[in-house]
Protein backbone atom coordinates (compact mmCIF):
# COMPACT_ATOMS: atom_id res chain seq x y z
CA UNK A 1 -20.89 61.89 40.16
CA UNK A 2 -17.66 60.72 38.53
CA UNK A 3 -17.84 58.39 35.51
CA UNK A 4 -15.45 55.47 35.34
CA UNK A 5 -13.98 55.79 31.86
CA UNK A 6 -12.31 52.38 32.08
CA UNK A 7 -15.68 50.62 32.26
CA UNK A 8 -16.60 51.98 28.83
CA UNK A 9 -13.24 51.42 27.21
CA UNK A 10 -13.11 47.77 28.34
CA UNK A 11 -16.34 46.79 26.59
CA UNK A 12 -15.02 47.05 22.99
CA UNK A 13 -11.86 45.29 24.06
CA UNK A 14 -13.84 42.43 25.57
CA UNK A 15 -15.93 42.10 22.42
CA UNK A 16 -12.84 42.06 20.20
CA UNK A 17 -11.15 39.55 22.48
CA UNK A 18 -14.15 37.19 22.39
CA UNK A 19 -14.40 37.52 18.63
CA UNK A 20 -10.68 36.81 18.23
CA UNK A 21 -10.90 33.77 20.52
CA UNK A 22 -13.88 32.46 18.60
CA UNK A 23 -12.00 32.79 15.30
CA UNK A 24 -8.96 31.04 16.77
CA UNK A 25 -11.14 28.17 17.99
CA UNK A 26 -12.68 27.80 14.52
CA UNK A 27 -9.24 27.81 12.86
CA UNK A 28 -7.88 25.29 15.37
CA UNK A 29 -10.89 23.06 14.77
CA UNK A 30 -10.40 23.22 11.02
CA UNK A 31 -6.68 22.42 11.32
CA UNK A 32 -7.41 19.47 13.61
CA UNK A 33 -10.06 18.21 11.19
CA UNK A 34 -7.72 18.52 8.20
CA UNK A 35 -4.92 16.82 10.14
CA UNK A 36 -7.21 13.97 11.17
CA UNK A 37 -8.38 13.48 7.57
CA UNK A 38 -4.80 13.45 6.24
CA UNK A 39 -3.89 10.86 8.88
CA UNK A 40 -6.93 8.82 7.87
CA UNK A 41 -5.85 9.00 4.22
CA UNK A 42 -2.32 7.88 5.12
CA UNK A 43 -3.67 4.90 7.04
CA UNK A 44 -6.56 4.09 4.70
CA UNK A 45 -4.80 1.21 2.87
CA UNK A 46 -4.16 -0.42 6.24
CA UNK A 47 -7.65 0.21 7.58
CA UNK A 48 -9.30 -1.11 4.41
CA UNK A 49 -7.04 -4.16 4.09
CA UNK A 50 -8.88 -7.34 3.25
CA UNK A 51 -8.50 -9.99 5.88
CA UNK A 52 -6.53 -13.13 5.19
CA UNK A 53 -9.65 -15.16 5.92
CA UNK A 54 -11.73 -13.30 3.33
CA UNK A 55 -9.08 -13.77 0.66
CA UNK A 56 -8.51 -17.42 1.48
CA UNK A 57 -12.23 -18.10 1.38
CA UNK A 58 -12.65 -16.45 -2.01
CA UNK A 59 -9.38 -17.28 -3.72
CA UNK A 60 -10.45 -20.57 -5.28
CA UNK A 61 -13.52 -18.93 -6.77
CA UNK A 62 -11.53 -15.94 -8.01
CA UNK A 63 -8.79 -18.04 -9.52
CA UNK A 64 -11.24 -20.31 -11.32
CA UNK A 65 -13.47 -17.52 -12.55
CA UNK A 66 -10.82 -15.15 -13.87
CA UNK A 67 -9.02 -15.51 -17.18
CA UNK A 68 -6.31 -13.12 -16.02
CA UNK A 69 -3.09 -13.75 -14.13
CA UNK A 70 -3.76 -13.16 -10.44
CA UNK A 71 -1.59 -12.65 -7.35
CA UNK A 72 -2.95 -13.51 -3.90
CA UNK A 73 -1.07 -12.68 -0.67
CA UNK A 74 -3.59 -13.20 2.16
CA UNK A 75 -1.34 -11.87 4.94
CA UNK A 76 -0.93 -8.54 3.09
CA UNK A 77 -4.51 -8.25 1.90
CA UNK A 78 -3.37 -8.50 -1.74
CA UNK A 79 -5.78 -9.85 -4.32
CA UNK A 80 -4.95 -8.31 -7.69
CA UNK A 81 -4.20 -8.73 -11.38
CA UNK A 82 -0.65 -9.22 -12.69
CA UNK A 83 0.08 -7.18 -15.81
CA UNK A 84 2.69 -7.83 -18.48
CA UNK A 85 2.65 -4.20 -19.63
CA UNK A 86 5.16 -1.45 -18.91
CA UNK A 87 5.80 0.54 -15.75
CA UNK A 88 2.68 2.63 -16.38
CA UNK A 89 0.48 -0.25 -15.18
CA UNK A 90 1.62 0.57 -11.63
CA UNK A 91 -0.42 3.77 -11.76
CA UNK A 92 -3.51 1.65 -12.39
CA UNK A 93 -3.00 -0.19 -9.12
CA UNK A 94 -1.83 -3.40 -10.77
CA UNK A 95 1.13 -5.63 -10.04
CA UNK A 96 3.76 -5.41 -12.76
CA UNK A 97 5.55 -8.52 -14.01
CA UNK A 98 8.93 -6.89 -14.36
CA UNK A 99 11.65 -8.49 -16.55
CA UNK A 100 9.50 -11.35 -17.95
CA UNK A 101 12.55 -12.96 -19.53
CA UNK A 102 13.91 -13.76 -16.08
CA UNK A 103 11.05 -16.11 -15.39
CA UNK A 104 7.40 -16.80 -14.66
CA UNK A 105 5.53 -19.48 -12.67
CA UNK A 106 5.14 -21.66 -15.76
CA UNK A 107 8.75 -21.83 -16.97
CA UNK A 108 10.48 -21.25 -13.61
CA UNK A 109 13.32 -18.85 -12.94
CA UNK A 110 12.95 -15.60 -11.04
CA UNK A 111 9.41 -14.23 -11.35
CA UNK A 112 9.79 -10.56 -10.43
CA UNK A 113 6.61 -8.77 -9.34
CA UNK A 114 6.44 -5.17 -8.17
CA UNK A 115 3.83 -2.57 -7.27
CA UNK A 116 3.39 0.74 -5.47
CA UNK A 117 3.44 0.87 -1.67
CA UNK A 118 1.76 4.27 -1.39
CA UNK A 119 0.34 6.68 -3.95
CA UNK A 120 -1.32 9.87 -2.76
CA UNK A 121 -4.98 10.53 -3.50
CA UNK A 122 -7.77 12.77 -2.23
CA UNK A 123 -10.00 9.92 -1.05
CA UNK A 124 -9.29 6.61 0.69
CA UNK A 125 -10.55 4.79 -2.39
CA UNK A 126 -8.04 6.53 -4.68
CA UNK A 127 -5.16 5.69 -2.36
CA UNK A 128 -6.23 2.08 -1.79
CA UNK A 129 -6.63 1.37 -5.50
CA UNK A 130 -3.05 2.40 -6.32
CA UNK A 131 -1.20 1.47 -3.11
CA UNK A 132 -1.40 -2.25 -3.82
CA UNK A 133 1.66 -3.28 -1.76
CA UNK A 134 1.09 -0.96 1.22
CA UNK A 135 0.94 -3.95 3.55
CA UNK A 136 3.72 -6.01 1.98
CA UNK A 137 5.88 -5.27 5.02
CA UNK A 138 3.39 -7.31 7.09
CA UNK A 139 4.29 -10.53 5.25
CA UNK A 140 6.25 -13.02 7.34
CA UNK A 141 8.34 -16.08 6.64
CA UNK A 142 6.08 -19.10 6.23
CA UNK A 143 3.12 -17.12 4.81
CA UNK A 144 1.41 -18.45 1.70
CA UNK A 145 1.31 -16.84 -1.73
CA UNK A 146 -0.76 -18.03 -4.67
CA UNK A 147 -0.46 -17.15 -8.35
CA UNK A 148 -2.88 -18.00 -11.12
CA UNK A 149 -0.86 -18.07 -14.32
CA UNK A 150 -2.23 -19.01 -17.75
CA UNK A 151 -5.11 -20.88 -16.14
CA UNK A 152 -3.02 -22.87 -13.66
CA UNK A 153 -2.63 -22.27 -9.93
CA UNK A 154 0.84 -22.13 -8.37
CA UNK A 155 1.30 -22.22 -4.59
CA UNK A 156 4.29 -20.67 -2.84
CA UNK A 157 5.57 -20.25 0.68
CA UNK A 158 7.52 -17.19 1.83
CA UNK A 159 11.11 -18.18 2.64
CA UNK A 160 12.63 -14.74 3.18
CA UNK A 161 11.67 -11.13 3.85
CA UNK A 162 14.11 -8.22 3.91
CA UNK A 163 14.69 -4.56 3.20
CA UNK A 164 17.36 -3.51 0.71
CA UNK A 165 18.83 -0.26 -0.55
CA UNK A 166 17.75 1.10 -3.95
CA UNK A 167 21.07 0.13 -5.56
CA UNK A 168 20.89 -3.50 -4.42
CA UNK A 169 19.65 -4.89 -7.72
CA UNK A 170 20.76 -8.44 -6.93
CA UNK A 171 17.12 -9.26 -6.13
CA UNK A 172 16.44 -9.21 -9.88
CA UNK A 173 19.23 -11.60 -10.83
CA UNK A 174 18.39 -14.78 -12.79
CA UNK A 175 17.66 -17.89 -10.77
CA UNK A 176 18.08 -21.54 -11.69
CA UNK A 177 15.41 -22.45 -9.14
CA UNK A 178 11.81 -21.24 -9.47
CA UNK A 179 10.90 -18.44 -7.09
CA UNK A 180 8.86 -15.28 -6.69
CA UNK A 181 10.59 -11.99 -5.94
CA UNK A 182 7.95 -9.51 -4.81
CA UNK A 183 9.03 -6.00 -3.90
CA UNK A 184 7.92 -2.43 -3.39
CA UNK A 185 9.34 0.86 -2.15
CA UNK A 186 9.40 1.48 1.58
CA UNK A 187 6.81 3.95 2.83
CA UNK A 188 9.64 6.50 3.10
CA UNK A 189 9.99 6.46 -0.69
CA UNK A 190 12.06 4.96 -3.51
CA UNK A 191 15.23 6.73 -2.35
CA UNK A 192 15.00 4.95 1.01
CA UNK A 193 14.88 1.35 -0.17
CA UNK A 194 12.77 -1.68 -1.05
CA UNK A 195 10.69 -4.14 0.95
CA UNK A 196 11.36 -7.57 -0.54
CA UNK A 197 9.49 -10.87 -0.17
CA UNK A 198 10.95 -14.09 -1.58
CA UNK A 199 8.65 -17.10 -2.00
CA UNK A 200 9.34 -20.58 -3.36
CA UNK A 201 7.05 -23.34 -4.66
CA UNK A 202 5.34 -25.25 -1.88
CA UNK A 203 4.07 -28.20 -3.90
């Protein structure tokens, strides 16, 4: 009787092949899971955006209850404190009142407000808390903006939205007419440009 040597030699190969395939499947699964989580993190500010209805329904209560300066942009899901500090307040997820001498809602002029569009974090909460203007690009002409400033409420309507290059600093120029200039970096980064929203008093 003649023994088929190939039948014995194929068994270890088959075992190694199955083991290798199993490892590859595990690795592929892990990579897909990591990729899906990274995508979820990137989209988390959008997915967790407050609705315009929820902000509009709560804004009067918020504005009356708070002793801080507040910015409300329902169409972008923005409901946050305005800080007069330095640029470091951006890392706290606040809106920065940049160049206060150029204006504020009380005295008029150009009220310049800025915040981060996207700051990386390891959880959706970390990203959401710092990426305050992630949805600023969703704002459209005619949308409403409300500011509580020194205890008084100021209503605005968006008159212009645009994207400018980083060196186009004209958006921060003084203005004889009262207006809000709200801007943030594009999602591609500060070297790419700025998303700008201009709003003027509506009452």
